[in-house]
């Protein structure tokens, strides 16, 4: 079994379930992708709508028995609706019991399932576009039952055990009660949810990973689309691009695209949805904003249509989603990002230091840094991260160069006539430092507002300090 064959199958699956021109190769091996049977069931449903109903398979399998149930449903469907002969079928147990071993993607499970999928690939089925389906929503006393006819992800109602967890955001100042939470598995699920909401005159909100600083992504009585199950990262080494789904976290993206870099925001634990608001972070000075590196996107517009947008194709909409404001122009289901070469290799060691002052010293630190950044051509190999909390004012610096030169370079940030309470320094791999920021970010964000200011005057500094002092256990102001 060659990698070319398995890669072709993964591309075919991606083109069916996602978007043919926006998704590259999955970073997981084929058997791992298929072992719980959900992707297999989605494939036959896409090839022949109605061949499997939502009751025929388990959309959120939890055990090997659930995996076998789904795989058997897939195989039965092949015999019943596709006329596939027994010699092209495989034993469900073989795939359900698959466990990845080292870097060997070509295993017995893959060898068993590939002939079946190649047969489906080579047959010519009339695959309808959801955009072309003009079927009206059936009238039903139970709207949720009607939604299940076209939506194959998870549907979470207020009486569900998962409801409270699914509606949470990291910002604990925000709380709302959506009338329904849905977790799509594909872009077509998102389109079906939007069309359903439009028919029933429901408002729609979308949640990437729940890092919104305000009420974006959560309102009372809305349908909340939670992208938890759409978190894939698809890397194209040849084009040096990565297509990331809306539920992906930056920490997962950074691991997947190594040795390149997709410019991340401040927190490696945040979701890719932060691109829509600019995503400032520690690499902005050296690599620019993440939204500047978006080369295309897949978006579901208010009419429930799936659109692939880029320069020259829905150009105005493509411009709008990259910073035109907090208005909703649609629900972005995936982004294709241009990858950058790192200033230092992926695992290179860098010099890092942490300075800490008392909170009362914060005005002097803030004013000095403000003057410094205004008056100096900033060195793009230096990273400065400033946080305030009730525990004090903390500055972290990283030098993206020879570690032996780091201590001298970071003197740039020495605040005149002010002694640090503590000063620690380390030499470590850059990504270990960056990942550590997400790991050590305990608790939940407490955010009331965000924005840009031209000058740090006394009023703004006082506001910053008051905000930091109000949240002694969990809050930081960045």
Protein backbone atom coordinates (compact mmCIF):
# COMPACT_ATOMS: atom_id res chain seq x y z
CA UNK A 1 0.00 0.00 0.00
CA UNK A 2 1.57 3.30 -1.06
CA UNK A 3 1.21 6.64 0.66
CA UNK A 4 -0.01 8.03 -2.66
CA UNK A 5 -3.08 5.78 -2.58
CA UNK A 6 -4.02 6.62 1.00
CA UNK A 7 -3.39 10.33 0.37
CA UNK A 8 -5.68 10.19 -2.67
CA UNK A 9 -8.43 8.60 -0.59
CA UNK A 10 -8.07 11.26 2.12
CA UNK A 11 -8.24 14.02 -0.51
CA UNK A 12 -11.40 12.41 -1.94
CA UNK A 13 -13.01 12.20 1.50
CA UNK A 14 -12.05 15.81 2.23
CA UNK A 15 -13.53 16.97 -1.08
CA UNK A 16 -16.81 15.22 -0.26
CA UNK A 17 -17.20 16.35 3.32
CA UNK A 18 -15.43 19.70 3.31
CA UNK A 19 -14.50 21.67 0.21
CA UNK A 20 -12.48 20.36 -2.71
CA UNK A 21 -10.43 23.52 -3.21
CA UNK A 22 -9.85 24.52 0.40
CA UNK A 23 -8.74 21.35 2.15
CA UNK A 24 -5.39 19.60 1.79
CA UNK A 25 -4.04 16.44 3.35
CA UNK A 26 -5.11 15.38 6.81
CA UNK A 27 -2.23 14.98 9.23
CA UNK A 28 -3.66 11.75 10.68
CA UNK A 29 -3.33 8.35 9.01
CA UNK A 30 -6.29 6.86 7.16
CA UNK A 31 -7.24 4.17 9.68
CA UNK A 32 -7.20 6.65 12.55
CA UNK A 33 -9.49 8.91 10.54
CA UNK A 34 -11.99 6.11 9.87
CA UNK A 35 -11.85 3.89 12.96
CA UNK A 36 -14.98 5.20 14.75
CA UNK A 37 -17.06 4.82 11.57
CA UNK A 38 -18.50 8.35 11.58
CA UNK A 39 -16.58 9.52 8.51
CA UNK A 40 -17.55 6.34 6.64
CA UNK A 41 -21.23 6.94 7.41
CA UNK A 42 -20.95 10.57 6.33
CA UNK A 43 -19.33 9.51 3.04
CA UNK A 44 -22.20 7.20 2.00
CA UNK A 45 -24.75 9.79 3.17
CA UNK A 46 -23.06 12.35 0.95
CA UNK A 47 -22.85 10.00 -2.04
CA UNK A 48 -26.50 8.94 -1.68
CA UNK A 49 -28.56 11.22 0.57
CA UNK A 50 -31.05 9.15 2.53
CA UNK A 51 -29.05 5.93 2.28
CA UNK A 52 -28.43 6.20 6.03
CA UNK A 53 -30.73 8.02 8.41
CA UNK A 54 -29.43 9.65 11.64
CA UNK A 55 -30.98 6.77 13.58
CA UNK A 56 -28.86 4.21 11.69
CA UNK A 57 -25.53 5.29 13.19
CA UNK A 58 -24.03 6.96 16.25
CA UNK A 59 -22.78 10.48 15.59
CA UNK A 60 -20.79 10.65 18.85
CA UNK A 61 -19.38 7.14 19.43
CA UNK A 62 -17.83 6.58 22.85
CA UNK A 63 -16.60 2.97 22.78
CA UNK A 64 -15.28 0.27 20.44
CA UNK A 65 -18.77 -1.23 20.38
CA UNK A 66 -20.08 2.08 19.04
CA UNK A 67 -17.30 2.06 16.42
CA UNK A 68 -18.32 -1.44 15.28
CA UNK A 69 -21.98 -0.40 15.17
CA UNK A 70 -21.12 2.48 12.80
CA UNK A 71 -18.81 0.41 10.60
CA UNK A 72 -21.44 -2.33 10.29
CA UNK A 73 -24.03 0.31 9.34
CA UNK A 74 -21.62 1.55 6.63
CA UNK A 75 -21.00 -1.96 5.27
CA UNK A 76 -24.69 -2.86 5.29
CA UNK A 77 -25.43 0.35 3.42
CA UNK A 78 -22.83 -0.54 0.78
CA UNK A 79 -24.52 -3.89 0.13
CA UNK A 80 -28.08 -2.53 0.21
CA UNK A 81 -27.77 0.80 -1.59
CA UNK A 82 -24.52 0.55 -3.57
CA UNK A 83 -24.55 -3.11 -4.63
CA UNK A 84 -21.02 -3.72 -3.33
CA UNK A 85 -20.09 -7.42 -3.32
CA UNK A 86 -18.95 -9.25 -0.19
CA UNK A 87 -15.39 -9.65 -1.47
CA UNK A 88 -14.92 -5.85 -1.27
CA UNK A 89 -16.08 -5.62 2.33
CA UNK A 90 -13.89 -5.94 5.42
CA UNK A 91 -14.25 -7.07 9.02
CA UNK A 92 -15.46 -4.22 11.27
CA UNK A 93 -13.34 -5.40 14.18
CA UNK A 94 -10.15 -4.89 12.19
CA UNK A 95 -10.75 -1.16 11.79
CA UNK A 96 -12.42 -0.56 15.17
CA UNK A 97 -9.48 -2.10 17.04
CA UNK A 98 -6.87 -0.11 15.13
CA UNK A 99 -4.22 1.54 17.28
CA UNK A 100 -1.50 3.69 15.67
CA UNK A 101 2.00 2.35 16.12
CA UNK A 102 4.97 4.65 15.55
CA UNK A 103 5.10 6.21 12.10
CA UNK A 104 3.67 3.26 10.21
CA UNK A 105 0.42 4.38 8.55
CA UNK A 106 0.33 1.37 6.18
CA UNK A 107 -1.17 -1.31 8.43
CA UNK A 108 -3.57 -4.23 8.21
CA UNK A 109 -6.59 -2.02 8.88
CA UNK A 110 -5.61 0.36 6.08
CA UNK A 111 -4.94 -2.54 3.70
CA UNK A 112 -8.42 -3.92 4.45
CA UNK A 113 -10.39 -0.70 3.99
CA UNK A 114 -8.59 0.75 0.95
CA UNK A 115 -10.13 -1.60 -1.70
CA UNK A 116 -13.62 -0.71 -0.48
CA UNK A 117 -12.98 3.02 -0.67
CA UNK A 118 -11.21 2.78 -4.02
CA UNK A 119 -14.34 1.09 -5.38
CA UNK A 120 -16.50 3.97 -4.15
CA UNK A 121 -14.05 6.50 -5.59
CA UNK A 122 -14.06 4.88 -9.01
CA UNK A 123 -17.85 4.60 -9.25
CA UNK A 124 -19.58 7.68 -10.67
CA UNK A 125 -22.27 8.80 -8.27
CA UNK A 126 -24.37 11.89 -8.72
CA UNK A 127 -23.31 13.84 -5.65
CA UNK A 128 -25.73 16.74 -5.15
CA UNK A 129 -24.61 20.11 -3.85
CA UNK A 130 -26.40 21.32 -0.76
CA UNK A 131 -26.65 24.66 -2.53
CA UNK A 132 -28.69 22.93 -5.21
CA UNK A 133 -31.19 21.29 -2.86
CA UNK A 134 -34.40 23.29 -3.05
CA UNK A 135 -36.37 20.98 -0.76
CA UNK A 136 -38.43 22.99 1.70
CA UNK A 137 -38.24 22.16 5.38
CA UNK A 138 -41.02 19.71 6.27
CA UNK A 139 -43.57 21.04 8.69
CA UNK A 140 -43.31 19.25 11.99
CA UNK A 141 -44.53 19.71 15.51
CA UNK A 142 -40.97 18.91 16.57
CA UNK A 143 -38.51 21.30 14.84
CA UNK A 144 -35.52 19.37 16.22
CA UNK A 145 -36.72 16.22 14.46
CA UNK A 146 -36.95 18.21 11.24
CA UNK A 147 -33.41 19.54 11.71
CA UNK A 148 -32.05 16.00 12.07
CA UNK A 149 -33.10 15.20 8.51
CA UNK A 150 -30.30 17.35 7.09
CA UNK A 151 -27.95 17.84 10.04
CA UNK A 152 -25.65 14.95 10.99
CA UNK A 153 -23.73 16.46 13.88
CA UNK A 154 -24.67 16.71 17.57
CA UNK A 155 -27.82 18.54 18.68
CA UNK A 156 -27.81 19.67 22.30
CA UNK A 157 -31.03 20.91 23.89
CA UNK A 158 -31.34 22.81 27.21
CA UNK A 159 -32.37 19.61 29.01
CA UNK A 160 -29.22 17.81 27.83
CA UNK A 161 -26.42 16.97 30.25
CA UNK A 162 -23.92 18.64 27.89
CA UNK A 163 -25.83 21.91 27.58
CA UNK A 164 -24.12 23.89 30.37
CA UNK A 165 -20.62 22.94 29.26
CA UNK A 166 -21.32 23.56 25.57
CA UNK A 167 -22.58 27.11 26.12
CA UNK A 168 -19.67 28.27 28.28
CA UNK A 169 -17.13 30.84 27.12
CA UNK A 170 -13.77 31.43 28.79
CA UNK A 171 -14.85 34.97 29.62
CA UNK A 172 -16.86 34.48 32.82
CA UNK A 173 -18.41 37.94 32.55
CA UNK A 174 -20.48 36.55 29.68
CA UNK A 175 -23.44 34.27 30.25
CA UNK A 176 -26.41 33.51 28.03
CA UNK A 177 -28.90 30.73 27.37
CA UNK A 178 -29.14 29.68 23.71
CA UNK A 179 -32.29 27.79 22.78
CA UNK A 180 -30.19 25.14 21.02
CA UNK A 181 -26.55 24.16 20.62
CA UNK A 182 -25.43 22.26 17.52
CA UNK A 183 -22.01 20.76 16.84
CA UNK A 184 -21.54 20.28 13.10
CA UNK A 185 -19.11 17.80 11.57
CA UNK A 186 -18.97 19.29 8.08
CA UNK A 187 -19.60 22.56 6.29
CA UNK A 188 -22.81 21.08 4.95
CA UNK A 189 -24.02 20.62 8.52
CA UNK A 190 -23.37 24.32 9.15
CA UNK A 191 -25.27 25.25 5.99
CA UNK A 192 -28.19 23.04 7.04
CA UNK A 193 -28.25 24.64 10.50
CA UNK A 194 -28.26 28.16 9.05
CA UNK A 195 -31.08 27.32 6.64
CA UNK A 196 -33.06 25.77 9.46
CA UNK A 197 -32.57 28.84 11.67
CA UNK A 198 -33.58 31.12 8.80
CA UNK A 199 -36.77 29.12 8.21
CA UNK A 200 -37.71 29.34 11.89
CA UNK A 201 -36.54 32.96 12.25
CA UNK A 202 -33.94 32.11 14.90
CA UNK A 203 -30.81 34.15 15.42
CA UNK A 204 -27.53 32.29 14.93
CA UNK A 205 -24.24 32.55 16.84
CA UNK A 206 -20.99 30.69 16.24
CA UNK A 207 -18.33 29.60 18.72
CA UNK A 208 -14.83 28.59 17.70
CA UNK A 209 -13.20 27.70 21.04
CA UNK A 210 -14.96 30.12 23.37
CA UNK A 211 -12.28 32.81 23.71
CA UNK A 212 -14.57 35.72 22.81
CA UNK A 213 -13.94 38.72 25.04
CA UNK A 214 -17.51 40.01 24.73
CA UNK A 215 -20.89 38.61 23.76
CA UNK A 216 -19.69 37.49 20.32
CA UNK A 217 -20.66 33.85 19.97
CA UNK A 218 -23.36 33.70 22.67
CA UNK A 219 -26.83 35.24 23.02
CA UNK A 220 -30.08 34.30 24.69
CA UNK A 221 -32.57 32.29 22.59
CA UNK A 222 -30.21 31.87 19.64
CA UNK A 223 -28.97 28.77 17.89
CA UNK A 224 -25.34 28.35 18.93
CA UNK A 225 -23.12 26.60 16.39
CA UNK A 226 -20.22 25.11 18.36
CA UNK A 227 -17.26 24.09 16.18
CA UNK A 228 -15.80 21.64 18.70
CA UNK A 229 -16.02 18.74 16.22
CA UNK A 230 -14.57 20.69 13.28
CA UNK A 231 -10.98 21.13 14.42
CA UNK A 232 -8.95 19.62 11.59
CA UNK A 233 -5.63 21.00 10.33
CA UNK A 234 -4.78 20.13 6.73
CA UNK A 235 -1.23 20.84 5.58
CA UNK A 236 -0.05 21.29 1.99
CA UNK A 237 3.74 21.05 2.04
CA UNK A 238 4.06 21.86 -1.66
CA UNK A 239 2.13 25.13 -1.50
CA UNK A 240 3.30 25.85 2.05
CA UNK A 241 -0.25 26.48 3.23
CA UNK A 242 -2.46 25.11 5.98
CA UNK A 243 -6.24 24.88 5.91
CA UNK A 244 -7.62 24.98 9.44
CA UNK A 245 -11.21 24.39 10.47
CA UNK A 246 -13.04 26.85 12.70
CA UNK A 247 -12.75 24.76 15.87
CA UNK A 248 -8.97 24.31 15.73
CA UNK A 249 -6.81 25.70 18.54
CA UNK A 250 -3.58 27.48 17.77
CA UNK A 251 -1.56 25.00 19.84
CA UNK A 252 -2.75 22.17 17.55
CA UNK A 253 -2.10 24.26 14.44
CA UNK A 254 1.46 25.09 15.47
CA UNK A 255 2.28 21.43 16.13
CA UNK A 256 0.78 20.35 12.80
CA UNK A 257 2.56 22.90 10.58
CA UNK A 258 6.07 22.51 12.03
CA UNK A 259 8.73 23.37 10.87
CA UNK A 260 6.80 26.36 9.49
CA UNK A 261 4.81 28.89 11.48
CA UNK A 262 1.21 30.05 11.19
CA UNK A 263 1.38 33.36 13.04
CA UNK A 264 -0.51 32.74 16.30
CA UNK A 265 -2.29 35.13 18.65
CA UNK A 266 -1.27 35.73 22.24
CA UNK A 267 -2.59 32.47 23.66
CA UNK A 268 -1.74 29.12 22.08
CA UNK A 269 -4.90 27.74 23.69
CA UNK A 270 -7.24 30.10 21.87
CA UNK A 271 -9.22 29.20 18.76
CA UNK A 272 -8.60 30.11 15.14
CA UNK A 273 -11.79 32.18 15.20
CA UNK A 274 -9.72 34.96 16.75
CA UNK A 275 -8.43 35.71 13.23
CA UNK A 276 -11.60 37.71 12.59
CA UNK A 277 -10.62 40.27 15.23
CA UNK A 278 -6.98 40.62 14.20
CA UNK A 279 -5.25 38.29 16.69
CA UNK A 280 -2.42 40.32 18.13
CA UNK A 281 0.29 38.18 19.67
CA UNK A 282 3.99 37.83 20.40
CA UNK A 283 5.00 37.30 16.75
CA UNK A 284 3.10 40.26 15.28
CA UNK A 285 6.22 42.42 15.28
CA UNK A 286 8.28 39.83 13.42
CA UNK A 287 5.66 38.18 11.18
CA UNK A 288 2.60 40.45 11.01
CA UNK A 289 -1.05 39.81 11.92
CA UNK A 290 -2.59 36.36 11.29
CA UNK A 291 -5.40 37.89 9.21
CA UNK A 292 -2.80 39.25 6.76
CA UNK A 293 -1.75 35.68 6.00
CA UNK A 294 -5.25 34.39 5.16
CA UNK A 295 -5.29 33.56 1.44
CA UNK A 296 -8.77 32.04 1.23
CA UNK A 297 -11.67 30.97 3.40
CA UNK A 298 -14.84 28.93 3.31
CA UNK A 299 -17.86 30.81 4.63
CA UNK A 300 -21.56 30.08 5.09
CA UNK A 301 -23.53 33.22 4.30
CA UNK A 302 -26.93 34.14 5.74
CA UNK A 303 -28.75 32.38 2.87
CA UNK A 304 -27.16 29.07 3.93
CA UNK A 305 -24.90 28.86 0.88
CA UNK A 306 -21.30 27.61 1.06
CA UNK A 307 -18.91 30.04 -0.58
CA UNK A 308 -15.17 29.80 -1.13
CA UNK A 309 -13.74 33.31 -1.05
CA UNK A 310 -10.34 34.80 -1.94
CA UNK A 311 -8.92 37.69 -3.92
CA UNK A 312 -10.74 37.66 -7.26
CA UNK A 313 -13.58 35.47 -5.93
CA UNK A 314 -16.10 37.26 -3.72
CA UNK A 315 -13.33 39.81 -3.12
CA UNK A 316 -15.46 42.24 -1.09
CA UNK A 317 -16.56 39.51 1.28
CA UNK A 318 -12.97 38.26 1.56
CA UNK A 319 -11.85 41.78 2.48
CA UNK A 320 -14.67 42.14 5.00
CA UNK A 321 -13.86 39.06 7.07
CA UNK A 322 -10.29 40.24 7.58
CA UNK A 323 -10.91 43.08 9.98
CA UNK A 324 -13.80 45.12 8.60
CA UNK A 325 -15.42 45.23 12.02
CA UNK A 326 -17.42 43.21 14.54
CA UNK A 327 -20.36 42.74 12.17
CA UNK A 328 -21.24 39.26 10.99
CA UNK A 329 -20.70 38.69 7.28
CA UNK A 330 -21.24 34.95 7.62
CA UNK A 331 -19.87 31.95 9.48
CA UNK A 332 -16.33 31.06 8.48
CA UNK A 333 -15.86 27.28 8.61
CA UNK A 334 -12.21 27.14 7.53
CA UNK A 335 -9.26 29.36 6.66
CA UNK A 336 -6.34 28.68 4.37
CA UNK A 337 -3.22 30.34 5.77
CA UNK A 338 0.09 31.14 4.15
CA UNK A 339 2.84 29.62 6.29
CA UNK A 340 6.00 31.54 7.19
CA UNK A 341 9.55 30.49 7.82
CA UNK A 342 10.52 31.01 11.43
CA UNK A 343 13.25 33.51 12.28
CA UNK A 344 14.76 30.65 14.26
CA UNK A 345 14.36 26.89 13.61
CA UNK A 346 11.43 25.16 15.26
CA UNK A 347 13.36 23.65 18.15
CA UNK A 348 16.11 26.26 18.44
CA UNK A 349 16.86 27.50 21.93
CA UNK A 350 16.17 31.13 22.73
CA UNK A 351 16.92 33.44 25.62
CA UNK A 352 13.90 34.31 27.77
CA UNK A 353 13.55 36.43 30.88
CA UNK A 354 10.74 37.43 33.21
CA UNK A 355 10.69 40.68 35.19
CA UNK A 356 8.20 41.35 37.92
CA UNK A 357 7.31 44.61 39.70
CA UNK A 358 4.72 45.49 42.32
CA UNK A 359 1.37 46.59 40.93
CA UNK A 360 2.02 50.10 42.26
CA UNK A 361 4.99 50.31 39.89
CA UNK A 362 2.82 49.53 36.84
CA UNK A 363 2.20 53.19 35.82
CA UNK A 364 5.94 53.81 35.53
CA UNK A 365 6.45 50.58 33.57
CA UNK A 366 3.54 51.29 31.22
CA UNK A 367 4.61 54.88 30.53
CA UNK A 368 8.21 53.84 29.86
CA UNK A 369 7.20 51.06 27.45
CA UNK A 370 4.81 53.43 25.67
CA UNK A 371 7.57 56.02 25.11
CA UNK A 372 9.96 53.26 24.07
CA UNK A 373 7.68 51.85 21.40
CA UNK A 374 6.79 55.29 20.03
CA UNK A 375 10.34 56.58 19.78
CA UNK A 376 12.30 53.50 18.67
CA UNK A 377 12.45 51.40 15.56
CA UNK A 378 11.53 48.16 17.28
CA UNK A 379 13.85 45.17 16.90
CA UNK A 380 11.80 42.45 15.23
CA UNK A 381 13.82 39.72 16.97
CA UNK A 382 12.54 40.87 20.39
CA UNK A 383 9.25 39.81 21.94
CA UNK A 384 7.70 41.80 24.79
CA UNK A 385 4.67 40.48 26.65
CA UNK A 386 3.28 42.64 29.47
CA UNK A 387 0.62 41.41 31.92
CA UNK A 388 -0.97 43.02 34.96
CA UNK A 389 -2.81 41.34 37.81
CA UNK A 390 -3.32 41.87 41.50
CA UNK A 391 -0.08 39.96 42.01
CA UNK A 392 1.91 42.60 40.15
CA UNK A 393 3.19 43.78 36.79
CA UNK A 394 4.94 41.04 34.80
CA UNK A 395 7.01 41.48 31.62
CA UNK A 396 8.27 38.53 29.62
CA UNK A 397 10.93 39.01 26.93
CA UNK A 398 12.23 36.60 24.30
CA UNK A 399 15.15 37.17 21.95
CA UNK A 400 14.84 35.32 18.62
CA UNK A 401 18.55 35.02 18.03
CA UNK A 402 21.74 33.64 19.51
CA UNK A 403 20.91 32.94 23.19
CA UNK A 404 24.35 34.18 24.26
CA UNK A 405 23.40 37.65 22.99
CA UNK A 406 19.96 37.66 24.60
CA UNK A 407 20.85 39.11 27.99
CA UNK A 408 22.43 42.15 26.37
CA UNK A 409 19.57 42.63 23.88
CA UNK A 410 16.78 42.60 26.48
CA UNK A 411 18.42 45.47 28.38
CA UNK A 412 16.37 47.48 25.90
CA UNK A 413 13.47 46.97 28.35
CA UNK A 414 15.25 48.00 31.55
CA UNK A 415 13.04 50.63 33.23
CA UNK A 416 15.25 53.50 34.48
CA UNK A 417 15.34 54.07 38.24
CA UNK A 418 13.04 51.14 38.94
CA UNK A 419 14.30 47.89 40.43
CA UNK A 420 12.49 44.68 39.54
CA UNK A 421 11.01 42.72 42.41
CA UNK A 422 12.20 39.52 40.73
CA UNK A 423 14.20 38.75 37.60
CA UNK A 424 14.53 35.22 36.20
CA UNK A 425 16.12 34.05 32.97
CA UNK A 426 16.18 30.78 31.04
CA UNK A 427 17.36 29.35 27.76
CA UNK A 428 14.81 26.96 26.23
CA UNK A 429 13.30 25.91 22.88
CA UNK A 430 11.08 28.73 21.66
CA UNK A 431 7.94 26.60 21.28
CA UNK A 432 8.40 25.20 24.76
CA UNK A 433 8.29 28.78 26.03
CA UNK A 434 5.30 29.67 23.89
CA UNK A 435 3.32 26.54 24.81
CA UNK A 436 4.12 27.15 28.45
CA UNK A 437 2.17 30.41 28.32
CA UNK A 438 -1.03 28.53 27.52
CA UNK A 439 -0.39 25.78 30.07
CA UNK A 440 0.26 28.20 32.91
CA UNK A 441 -2.67 30.47 32.07
CA UNK A 442 -4.82 29.24 34.96
CA UNK A 443 -8.51 30.00 35.44
CA UNK A 444 -10.73 31.84 33.00
CA UNK A 445 -10.29 35.13 31.27
CA UNK A 446 -12.14 38.05 32.85
CA UNK A 447 -12.60 40.57 30.06
CA UNK A 448 -15.02 43.46 29.88
CA UNK A 449 -13.74 45.23 26.77
CA UNK A 450 -10.81 45.45 24.40
CA UNK A 451 -9.45 48.01 22.00
CA UNK A 452 -6.53 50.14 20.81
CA UNK A 453 -5.39 53.44 22.27
CA UNK A 454 -3.08 56.06 20.78
CA UNK A 455 -1.64 57.13 24.12
CA UNK A 456 -1.52 55.76 27.65
CA UNK A 457 -2.78 58.78 29.56
CA UNK A 458 -3.43 58.86 33.30
CA UNK A 459 -7.12 57.98 32.91
CA UNK A 460 -6.42 54.88 30.82
CA UNK A 461 -3.64 53.70 33.14
CA UNK A 462 -5.96 54.11 36.16
CA UNK A 463 -8.65 52.10 34.35
CA UNK A 464 -6.16 49.32 33.58
CA UNK A 465 -4.98 49.13 37.18
CA UNK A 466 -8.53 49.11 38.55
CA UNK A 467 -9.47 46.25 36.23
CA UNK A 468 -6.41 44.22 37.25
CA UNK A 469 -7.09 44.78 40.96
CA UNK A 470 -10.74 43.69 40.74
CA UNK A 471 -9.94 40.09 39.86
CA UNK A 472 -7.38 38.77 42.32
CA UNK A 473 -7.72 35.07 41.53
CA UNK A 474 -8.22 34.76 37.81
CA UNK A 475 -7.84 38.04 36.01
CA UNK A 476 -4.96 39.40 33.97
CA UNK A 477 -4.89 42.51 31.83
CA UNK A 478 -2.76 42.20 28.70
